Amino acid sequence: MQSVMLYRTKADESAARVEALELSVAEFKEYRARDAEAIRSLGIRLRRAESYVVSATRSLYEAAMPLRDTIILRDTVRDTVRLFATEDRWSRVEGVVWGDSLNFALHSVDTLRQVIHRVPRKFLFIRYGTKGIRQEIWSSNPHTELVYTEYVEFEPKKKRRVQ
């Protein structure tokens, strides 16, 4: 299996490219036993699986956030805390600075899109047959960096000849 190529699209989205690894179901059970067990745990029979895709993303969100003072009255005792919040289309960060501690929540939404396509063989300008199968995967969140992707395709079962 060739290495994963990570790149950025013209729209500055994180993308990855990887060639498909073709295995028979028996080979998949032998070499990828944990993945085979994960498929079985979903109630899917391995012999009916077409392909297996694994993708991982990592989100990094950096932003400058203004703090504002808030007064809290508790049992006639006044206390001041600082609140912050910022958001964009993909992420939301909000929190409280209270004394020497910081409590915050980061919410991140991401959509991974993938296309599995055939790469044709070429001779001069003529395209014919299939050279390989390739997976293209990209993220719509600009804060996300694709870390890893994997694509395994199972060989089609050969029909038994009746003798």
N, C-alpha and C. Protein backbone atom coordinates (compact mmCIF):
# COMPACT_ATOMS: atom_id res chain seq x y z
N MET A 1 0.84 -1.17 0.00
CA MET A 1 0.00 0.00 0.00
C MET A 1 0.89 1.23 0.00
N GLN A 2 0.57 2.17 -0.89
CA GLN A 2 1.37 3.38 -0.97
C GLN A 2 1.03 4.31 0.18
N SER A 3 1.86 5.30 0.38
CA SER A 3 1.64 6.23 1.48
C SER A 3 0.50 7.19 1.16
N VAL A 4 -0.01 7.82 2.20
CA VAL A 4 -1.10 8.78 2.07
C VAL A 4 -0.52 10.12 1.65
N MET A 5 -1.14 10.77 0.66
CA MET A 5 -0.71 12.09 0.24
C MET A 5 -1.69 13.10 0.81
N LEU A 6 -1.21 13.98 1.70
CA LEU A 6 -2.04 15.02 2.29
C LEU A 6 -1.77 16.33 1.56
N TYR A 7 -2.84 17.07 1.22
CA TYR A 7 -2.68 18.33 0.49
C TYR A 7 -3.83 19.26 0.79
N ARG A 8 -3.76 20.50 0.30
CA ARG A 8 -4.82 21.49 0.47
C ARG A 8 -5.44 21.74 -0.91
N THR A 9 -6.77 21.89 -0.94
CA THR A 9 -7.46 22.18 -2.19
C THR A 9 -7.33 23.66 -2.52
N LYS A 10 -7.81 24.06 -3.68
CA LYS A 10 -7.77 25.47 -4.07
C LYS A 10 -8.61 26.32 -3.12
N ALA A 11 -9.64 25.72 -2.50
CA ALA A 11 -10.47 26.43 -1.53
C ALA A 11 -9.87 26.35 -0.12
N ASP A 12 -8.59 25.93 -0.02
CA ASP A 12 -7.85 25.81 1.24
C ASP A 12 -8.50 24.83 2.21
N GLU A 13 -9.07 23.75 1.68
CA GLU A 13 -9.62 22.68 2.50
C GLU A 13 -8.58 21.57 2.58
N SER A 14 -8.52 20.90 3.72
CA SER A 14 -7.60 19.79 3.91
C SER A 14 -8.11 18.59 3.12
N ALA A 15 -7.23 17.92 2.37
CA ALA A 15 -7.62 16.77 1.57
C ALA A 15 -6.54 15.71 1.64
N ALA A 16 -6.92 14.46 1.32
CA ALA A 16 -5.98 13.34 1.33
C ALA A 16 -6.27 12.42 0.16
N ARG A 17 -5.22 11.73 -0.32
CA ARG A 17 -5.37 10.78 -1.42
C ARG A 17 -4.63 9.51 -1.04
N VAL A 18 -5.25 8.36 -1.32
CA VAL A 18 -4.63 7.07 -1.04
C VAL A 18 -5.11 6.05 -2.06
N GLU A 19 -4.21 5.17 -2.45
CA GLU A 19 -4.58 4.07 -3.36
C GLU A 19 -5.30 3.00 -2.56
N ALA A 20 -6.17 2.26 -3.21
CA ALA A 20 -6.93 1.20 -2.54
C ALA A 20 -6.07 -0.04 -2.35
N LEU A 21 -6.29 -0.72 -1.26
CA LEU A 21 -5.66 -2.01 -0.98
C LEU A 21 -6.73 -3.07 -1.21
N GLU A 22 -6.49 -3.99 -2.13
CA GLU A 22 -7.49 -5.00 -2.43
C GLU A 22 -7.14 -6.30 -1.71
N LEU A 23 -8.10 -6.79 -0.92
CA LEU A 23 -7.93 -8.03 -0.16
C LEU A 23 -9.14 -8.92 -0.35
N SER A 24 -8.91 -10.22 -0.27
CA SER A 24 -10.05 -11.13 -0.21
C SER A 24 -10.57 -11.10 1.22
N VAL A 25 -11.76 -11.61 1.43
CA VAL A 25 -12.34 -11.63 2.77
C VAL A 25 -11.45 -12.45 3.71
N ALA A 26 -10.92 -13.57 3.23
CA ALA A 26 -10.03 -14.41 4.05
C ALA A 26 -8.76 -13.65 4.43
N GLU A 27 -8.18 -12.92 3.49
CA GLU A 27 -6.98 -12.13 3.79
C GLU A 27 -7.30 -11.03 4.79
N PHE A 28 -8.46 -10.39 4.65
CA PHE A 28 -8.86 -9.35 5.59
C PHE A 28 -9.00 -9.92 6.99
N LYS A 29 -9.63 -11.10 7.10
CA LYS A 29 -9.77 -11.74 8.41
C LYS A 29 -8.41 -12.07 9.02
N GLU A 30 -7.47 -12.46 8.19
CA GLU A 30 -6.15 -12.84 8.69
C GLU A 30 -5.32 -11.62 9.10
N TYR A 31 -5.24 -10.63 8.22
CA TYR A 31 -4.35 -9.49 8.46
C TYR A 31 -5.00 -8.36 9.27
N ARG A 32 -6.30 -8.26 9.25
CA ARG A 32 -7.00 -7.17 9.92
C ARG A 32 -8.07 -7.74 10.86
N ALA A 33 -7.69 -8.62 11.75
CA ALA A 33 -8.63 -9.33 12.62
C ALA A 33 -9.45 -8.38 13.49
N ARG A 34 -8.80 -7.35 14.03
CA ARG A 34 -9.54 -6.40 14.88
C ARG A 34 -10.60 -5.64 14.09
N ASP A 35 -10.25 -5.23 12.87
CA ASP A 35 -11.22 -4.53 12.03
C ASP A 35 -12.36 -5.47 11.63
N ALA A 36 -12.03 -6.72 11.33
CA ALA A 36 -13.07 -7.70 10.99
C ALA A 36 -14.03 -7.88 12.15
N GLU A 37 -13.50 -7.93 13.36
CA GLU A 37 -14.35 -8.07 14.55
C GLU A 37 -15.23 -6.83 14.74
N ALA A 38 -14.69 -5.66 14.45
CA ALA A 38 -15.49 -4.42 14.55
C ALA A 38 -16.65 -4.44 13.56
N ILE A 39 -16.41 -4.95 12.35
CA ILE A 39 -17.47 -5.05 11.35
C ILE A 39 -18.53 -6.04 11.82
N ARG A 40 -18.09 -7.19 12.34
CA ARG A 40 -19.04 -8.19 12.85
C ARG A 40 -19.86 -7.64 14.02
N SER A 41 -19.24 -6.80 14.87
CA SER A 41 -19.95 -6.25 16.03
C SER A 41 -21.07 -5.30 15.61
N LEU A 42 -21.02 -4.80 14.38
CA LEU A 42 -22.10 -3.96 13.85
C LEU A 42 -23.24 -4.79 13.28
N GLY A 43 -23.10 -6.10 13.29
CA GLY A 43 -24.13 -6.97 12.74
C GLY A 43 -24.03 -7.15 11.24
N ILE A 44 -22.87 -6.86 10.69
CA ILE A 44 -22.65 -6.99 9.24
C ILE A 44 -21.81 -8.23 8.99
N ARG A 45 -22.27 -9.05 8.08
CA ARG A 45 -21.49 -10.23 7.70
C ARG A 45 -20.34 -9.78 6.81
N LEU A 46 -19.17 -10.23 7.15
CA LEU A 46 -17.98 -9.80 6.43
C LEU A 46 -18.02 -10.17 4.95
N ARG A 47 -18.65 -11.28 4.63
CA ARG A 47 -18.71 -11.69 3.23
C ARG A 47 -19.58 -10.76 2.38
N ARG A 48 -20.39 -9.93 3.02
CA ARG A 48 -21.23 -8.98 2.28
C ARG A 48 -20.61 -7.59 2.17
N ALA A 49 -19.49 -7.38 2.85
CA ALA A 49 -18.86 -6.06 2.84
C ALA A 49 -18.22 -5.78 1.47
N GLU A 50 -18.36 -4.57 1.02
CA GLU A 50 -17.76 -4.14 -0.24
C GLU A 50 -16.39 -3.51 -0.01
N SER A 51 -16.32 -2.60 0.95
CA SER A 51 -15.06 -1.93 1.23
C SER A 51 -15.06 -1.44 2.67
N TYR A 52 -13.89 -1.10 3.16
CA TYR A 52 -13.73 -0.64 4.54
C TYR A 52 -12.88 0.62 4.50
N VAL A 53 -13.38 1.71 5.06
CA VAL A 53 -12.70 3.00 5.02
C VAL A 53 -12.50 3.50 6.44
N VAL A 54 -11.31 3.97 6.74
CA VAL A 54 -10.99 4.56 8.04
C VAL A 54 -10.44 5.95 7.80
N SER A 55 -10.98 6.96 8.49
CA SER A 55 -10.49 8.33 8.38
C SER A 55 -10.43 8.95 9.76
N ALA A 56 -9.43 9.77 10.00
CA ALA A 56 -9.29 10.47 11.27
C ALA A 56 -9.05 11.94 11.00
N THR A 57 -9.64 12.79 11.82
CA THR A 57 -9.42 14.23 11.68
C THR A 57 -8.98 14.81 13.02
N ARG A 58 -8.32 15.93 12.94
CA ARG A 58 -7.92 16.65 14.14
C ARG A 58 -8.30 18.10 13.92
N SER A 59 -8.96 18.69 14.90
CA SER A 59 -9.36 20.09 14.79
C SER A 59 -8.51 20.94 15.71
N LEU A 60 -7.98 22.01 15.17
CA LEU A 60 -7.24 22.98 15.94
C LEU A 60 -7.93 24.31 15.76
N TYR A 61 -8.30 24.91 16.86
CA TYR A 61 -9.02 26.18 16.80
C TYR A 61 -8.29 27.19 17.66
N GLU A 62 -7.75 28.22 17.03
CA GLU A 62 -7.08 29.29 17.74
C GLU A 62 -7.81 30.58 17.48
N ALA A 63 -8.09 31.33 18.53
CA ALA A 63 -8.79 32.59 18.37
C ALA A 63 -8.50 33.50 19.55
N ALA A 64 -8.52 34.80 19.30
CA ALA A 64 -8.43 35.78 20.39
C ALA A 64 -9.85 36.08 20.83
N MET A 65 -10.10 36.02 22.12
CA MET A 65 -11.45 36.20 22.64
C MET A 65 -11.48 37.33 23.66
N PRO A 66 -12.39 38.27 23.50
CA PRO A 66 -12.49 39.33 24.50
C PRO A 66 -13.13 38.79 25.79
N LEU A 67 -12.66 39.28 26.92
CA LEU A 67 -13.22 38.91 28.21
C LEU A 67 -14.12 40.04 28.69
N ARG A 68 -15.17 39.69 29.39
CA ARG A 68 -16.04 40.71 29.98
C ARG A 68 -16.29 40.34 31.44
N ASP A 69 -16.42 41.35 32.25
CA ASP A 69 -16.65 41.13 33.68
C ASP A 69 -18.13 40.94 33.94
N THR A 70 -18.42 40.04 34.85
CA THR A 70 -19.79 39.78 35.28
C THR A 70 -19.79 39.73 36.79
N ILE A 71 -20.78 40.31 37.39
CA ILE A 71 -20.89 40.32 38.84
C ILE A 71 -21.88 39.25 39.25
N ILE A 72 -21.48 38.42 40.22
CA ILE A 72 -22.35 37.36 40.73
C ILE A 72 -22.65 37.67 42.19
N LEU A 73 -23.93 37.69 42.55
CA LEU A 73 -24.35 37.86 43.94
C LEU A 73 -24.73 36.51 44.49
N ARG A 74 -24.03 36.10 45.57
CA ARG A 74 -24.32 34.83 46.17
C ARG A 74 -24.35 35.04 47.69
N ASP A 75 -25.52 34.86 48.27
CA ASP A 75 -25.67 35.06 49.72
C ASP A 75 -25.11 36.40 50.16
N THR A 76 -25.46 37.44 49.42
CA THR A 76 -25.06 38.83 49.66
C THR A 76 -23.56 39.04 49.52
N VAL A 77 -22.84 38.11 48.89
CA VAL A 77 -21.41 38.27 48.62
C VAL A 77 -21.26 38.51 47.13
N ARG A 78 -20.57 39.60 46.76
CA ARG A 78 -20.35 39.92 45.35
C ARG A 78 -19.04 39.29 44.89
N ASP A 79 -19.09 38.70 43.72
CA ASP A 79 -17.89 38.11 43.13
C ASP A 79 -17.87 38.48 41.65
N THR A 80 -16.69 38.62 41.08
CA THR A 80 -16.55 38.97 39.67
C THR A 80 -15.90 37.81 38.92
N VAL A 81 -16.51 37.45 37.80
CA VAL A 81 -15.93 36.43 36.91
C VAL A 81 -15.83 37.04 35.53
N ARG A 82 -14.97 36.45 34.70
CA ARG A 82 -14.82 36.93 33.33
C ARG A 82 -15.34 35.85 32.39
N LEU A 83 -16.18 36.24 31.45
CA LEU A 83 -16.78 35.33 30.48
C LEU A 83 -16.17 35.58 29.10
N PHE A 84 -16.09 34.54 28.31
CA PHE A 84 -15.67 34.71 26.92
C PHE A 84 -16.45 33.75 26.04
N ALA A 85 -16.63 34.15 24.80
CA ALA A 85 -17.32 33.31 23.81
C ALA A 85 -16.98 33.82 22.42
N THR A 86 -16.80 32.88 21.52
CA THR A 86 -16.61 33.23 20.11
C THR A 86 -17.07 32.03 19.28
N GLU A 87 -17.49 32.29 18.07
CA GLU A 87 -17.91 31.20 17.20
C GLU A 87 -17.80 31.58 15.75
N ASP A 88 -17.72 30.58 14.93
CA ASP A 88 -17.81 30.76 13.49
C ASP A 88 -18.70 29.63 12.96
N ARG A 89 -18.72 29.44 11.67
CA ARG A 89 -19.62 28.46 11.06
C ARG A 89 -19.33 27.03 11.53
N TRP A 90 -18.09 26.74 11.92
CA TRP A 90 -17.70 25.37 12.24
C TRP A 90 -17.46 25.11 13.72
N SER A 91 -17.10 26.14 14.48
CA SER A 91 -16.70 25.92 15.87
C SER A 91 -17.31 26.98 16.79
N ARG A 92 -17.48 26.58 18.06
CA ARG A 92 -17.95 27.51 19.08
C ARG A 92 -17.14 27.27 20.35
N VAL A 93 -16.59 28.34 20.93
CA VAL A 93 -15.83 28.26 22.17
C VAL A 93 -16.47 29.22 23.15
N GLU A 94 -16.73 28.73 24.36
CA GLU A 94 -17.28 29.59 25.41
C GLU A 94 -16.74 29.14 26.75
N GLY A 95 -16.59 30.08 27.66
CA GLY A 95 -16.04 29.69 28.95
C GLY A 95 -16.09 30.79 29.99
N VAL A 96 -15.53 30.45 31.14
CA VAL A 96 -15.53 31.35 32.30
C VAL A 96 -14.14 31.35 32.91
N VAL A 97 -13.63 32.55 33.23
CA VAL A 97 -12.39 32.70 33.98
C VAL A 97 -12.80 33.12 35.38
N TRP A 98 -12.54 32.27 36.36
CA TRP A 98 -12.98 32.53 37.72
C TRP A 98 -11.77 32.39 38.63
N GLY A 99 -11.32 33.48 39.16
CA GLY A 99 -10.13 33.47 40.01
C GLY A 99 -8.92 33.06 39.19
N ASP A 100 -8.29 31.96 39.56
CA ASP A 100 -7.13 31.50 38.81
C ASP A 100 -7.44 30.27 37.95
N SER A 101 -8.72 30.02 37.68
CA SER A 101 -9.08 28.86 36.86
C SER A 101 -9.83 29.28 35.61
N LEU A 102 -9.75 28.43 34.60
CA LEU A 102 -10.41 28.67 33.32
C LEU A 102 -11.22 27.43 32.99
N ASN A 103 -12.51 27.59 32.77
CA ASN A 103 -13.38 26.50 32.33
C ASN A 103 -13.95 26.88 30.97
N PHE A 104 -13.81 25.98 30.00
CA PHE A 104 -14.33 26.31 28.68
C PHE A 104 -14.84 25.06 27.98
N ALA A 105 -15.60 25.29 26.92
CA ALA A 105 -16.13 24.20 26.08
C ALA A 105 -15.84 24.56 24.63
N LEU A 106 -15.35 23.58 23.88
CA LEU A 106 -15.09 23.75 22.45
C LEU A 106 -16.00 22.78 21.71
N HIS A 107 -16.83 23.29 20.83
CA HIS A 107 -17.72 22.48 20.01
C HIS A 107 -17.27 22.64 18.56
N SER A 108 -16.99 21.52 17.90
CA SER A 108 -16.51 21.57 16.53
C SER A 108 -17.34 20.63 15.67
N VAL A 109 -17.76 21.12 14.51
CA VAL A 109 -18.55 20.33 13.57
C VAL A 109 -17.73 20.17 12.30
N ASP A 110 -17.76 18.97 11.75
CA ASP A 110 -16.98 18.72 10.55
C ASP A 110 -17.75 17.78 9.63
N THR A 111 -17.55 17.93 8.36
CA THR A 111 -18.13 17.03 7.37
C THR A 111 -17.00 16.49 6.52
N LEU A 112 -16.87 15.16 6.51
CA LEU A 112 -15.88 14.53 5.65
C LEU A 112 -16.60 14.02 4.41
N ARG A 113 -16.08 14.37 3.28
CA ARG A 113 -16.65 13.90 2.01
C ARG A 113 -15.61 13.02 1.34
N GLN A 114 -16.06 11.91 0.76
CA GLN A 114 -15.12 11.02 0.09
C GLN A 114 -15.68 10.53 -1.22
N VAL A 115 -14.79 10.37 -2.15
CA VAL A 115 -15.14 9.83 -3.47
C VAL A 115 -14.20 8.67 -3.74
N ILE A 116 -14.76 7.55 -4.10
CA ILE A 116 -13.97 6.39 -4.51
C ILE A 116 -14.07 6.33 -6.03
N HIS A 117 -12.94 6.35 -6.70
CA HIS A 117 -13.01 6.38 -8.17
C HIS A 117 -11.93 5.50 -8.77
N ARG A 118 -12.16 5.13 -10.01
CA ARG A 118 -11.22 4.29 -10.74
C ARG A 118 -10.22 5.17 -11.48
N VAL A 119 -8.98 4.76 -11.48
CA VAL A 119 -7.92 5.46 -12.21
C VAL A 119 -7.65 4.65 -13.48
N PRO A 120 -7.91 5.24 -14.67
CA PRO A 120 -7.73 4.47 -15.90
C PRO A 120 -6.26 4.35 -16.30
N ARG A 121 -5.96 3.27 -17.03
CA ARG A 121 -4.64 3.13 -17.64
C ARG A 121 -4.59 4.09 -18.82
N LYS A 122 -3.39 4.56 -19.16
CA LYS A 122 -3.25 5.48 -20.29
C LYS A 122 -2.14 5.02 -21.22
N PHE A 123 -2.40 5.12 -22.49
CA PHE A 123 -1.39 4.92 -23.51
C PHE A 123 -1.53 6.08 -24.47
N LEU A 124 -0.51 6.90 -24.54
CA LEU A 124 -0.57 8.17 -25.27
C LEU A 124 -1.77 8.95 -24.74
N PHE A 125 -2.78 9.19 -25.56
CA PHE A 125 -3.96 9.93 -25.09
C PHE A 125 -5.17 9.03 -24.92
N ILE A 126 -4.96 7.72 -25.01
CA ILE A 126 -6.06 6.77 -24.92
C ILE A 126 -6.16 6.25 -23.50
N ARG A 127 -7.35 6.32 -22.94
CA ARG A 127 -7.60 5.80 -21.60
C ARG A 127 -8.38 4.49 -21.73
N TYR A 128 -7.93 3.47 -21.00
CA TYR A 128 -8.59 2.17 -21.09
C TYR A 128 -8.42 1.43 -19.77
N GLY A 129 -9.31 0.51 -19.49
CA GLY A 129 -9.19 -0.36 -18.31
C GLY A 129 -9.11 0.40 -17.00
N THR A 130 -8.62 -0.29 -16.00
CA THR A 130 -8.47 0.31 -14.67
C THR A 130 -7.07 0.05 -14.16
N LYS A 131 -6.36 1.11 -13.85
CA LYS A 131 -5.03 1.03 -13.28
C LYS A 131 -5.10 0.81 -11.78
N GLY A 132 -6.09 1.42 -11.15
CA GLY A 132 -6.26 1.30 -9.71
C GLY A 132 -7.52 2.00 -9.26
N ILE A 133 -7.82 1.86 -8.00
CA ILE A 133 -8.98 2.52 -7.39
C ILE A 133 -8.43 3.48 -6.35
N ARG A 134 -8.93 4.70 -6.34
CA ARG A 134 -8.40 5.72 -5.45
C ARG A 134 -9.51 6.34 -4.62
N GLN A 135 -9.18 6.67 -3.39
CA GLN A 135 -10.10 7.36 -2.49
C GLN A 135 -9.64 8.80 -2.35
N GLU A 136 -10.55 9.73 -2.54
CA GLU A 136 -10.29 11.14 -2.27
C GLU A 136 -11.20 11.54 -1.12
N ILE A 137 -10.64 12.16 -0.11
CA ILE A 137 -11.43 12.56 1.05
C ILE A 137 -11.04 13.98 1.42
N TRP A 138 -12.05 14.81 1.75
CA TRP A 138 -11.76 16.19 2.12
C TRP A 138 -12.72 16.66 3.21
N SER A 139 -12.26 17.67 3.91
CA SER A 139 -12.98 18.21 5.05
C SER A 139 -13.48 19.60 4.73
N SER A 140 -14.69 19.93 5.16
CA SER A 140 -15.23 21.26 4.92
C SER A 140 -14.84 22.25 6.00
N ASN A 141 -14.31 21.77 7.13
CA ASN A 141 -13.94 22.63 8.25
C ASN A 141 -12.50 23.12 8.05
N PRO A 142 -12.28 24.44 7.94
CA PRO A 142 -10.92 24.94 7.72
C PRO A 142 -10.00 24.74 8.92
N HIS A 143 -10.54 24.47 10.11
CA HIS A 143 -9.74 24.24 11.30
C HIS A 143 -9.29 22.78 11.40
N THR A 144 -9.80 21.91 10.53
CA THR A 144 -9.51 20.48 10.59
C THR A 144 -8.36 20.12 9.68
N GLU A 145 -7.48 19.28 10.18
CA GLU A 145 -6.39 18.74 9.38
C GLU A 145 -6.59 17.23 9.31
N LEU A 146 -6.60 16.68 8.09
CA LEU A 146 -6.71 15.24 7.94
C LEU A 146 -5.41 14.60 8.39
N VAL A 147 -5.52 13.62 9.27
CA VAL A 147 -4.35 12.99 9.85
C VAL A 147 -4.07 11.65 9.19
N TYR A 148 -5.12 10.90 8.91
CA TYR A 148 -4.93 9.55 8.41
C TYR A 148 -6.18 9.11 7.68
N THR A 149 -6.00 8.37 6.62
CA THR A 149 -7.13 7.74 5.95
C THR A 149 -6.67 6.41 5.39
N GLU A 150 -7.58 5.48 5.32
CA GLU A 150 -7.27 4.14 4.85
C GLU A 150 -8.47 3.62 4.08
N TYR A 151 -8.21 2.91 3.00
CA TYR A 151 -9.29 2.36 2.18
C TYR A 151 -8.92 0.94 1.81
N VAL A 152 -9.77 -0.01 2.15
CA VAL A 152 -9.55 -1.42 1.81
C VAL A 152 -10.74 -1.88 0.99
N GLU A 153 -10.47 -2.44 -0.17
CA GLU A 153 -11.53 -2.97 -1.02
C GLU A 153 -11.39 -4.48 -1.10
N PHE A 154 -12.50 -5.18 -0.98
CA PHE A 154 -12.47 -6.63 -1.03
C PHE A 154 -12.57 -7.09 -2.48
N GLU A 155 -11.81 -8.13 -2.80
CA GLU A 155 -11.88 -8.70 -4.14
C GLU A 155 -13.25 -9.29 -4.35
N PRO A 156 -13.81 -9.17 -5.55
CA PRO A 156 -15.11 -9.80 -5.79
C PRO A 156 -14.99 -11.31 -5.72
N LYS A 157 -16.04 -11.95 -5.23
CA LYS A 157 -16.02 -13.41 -5.13
C LYS A 157 -16.08 -14.00 -6.54
N LYS A 158 -15.30 -15.04 -6.73
CA LYS A 158 -15.33 -15.74 -8.02
C LYS A 158 -16.48 -16.74 -7.98
N LYS A 159 -17.20 -16.78 -9.09
CA LYS A 159 -18.33 -17.71 -9.16
C LYS A 159 -17.80 -19.13 -9.31
N ARG A 160 -18.45 -20.02 -8.61
CA ARG A 160 -18.07 -21.43 -8.70
C ARG A 160 -18.59 -22.02 -10.00
N ARG A 161 -17.77 -22.83 -10.60
CA ARG A 161 -18.20 -23.52 -11.80
C ARG A 161 -18.85 -24.83 -11.41
N VAL A 162 -19.97 -25.09 -11.99
CA VAL A 162 -20.66 -26.34 -11.73
C VAL A 162 -20.10 -27.38 -12.69
N GLN A 163 -19.62 -28.49 -12.14
CA GLN A 163 -19.01 -29.51 -13.00
C GLN A 163 -19.85 -30.73 -13.09
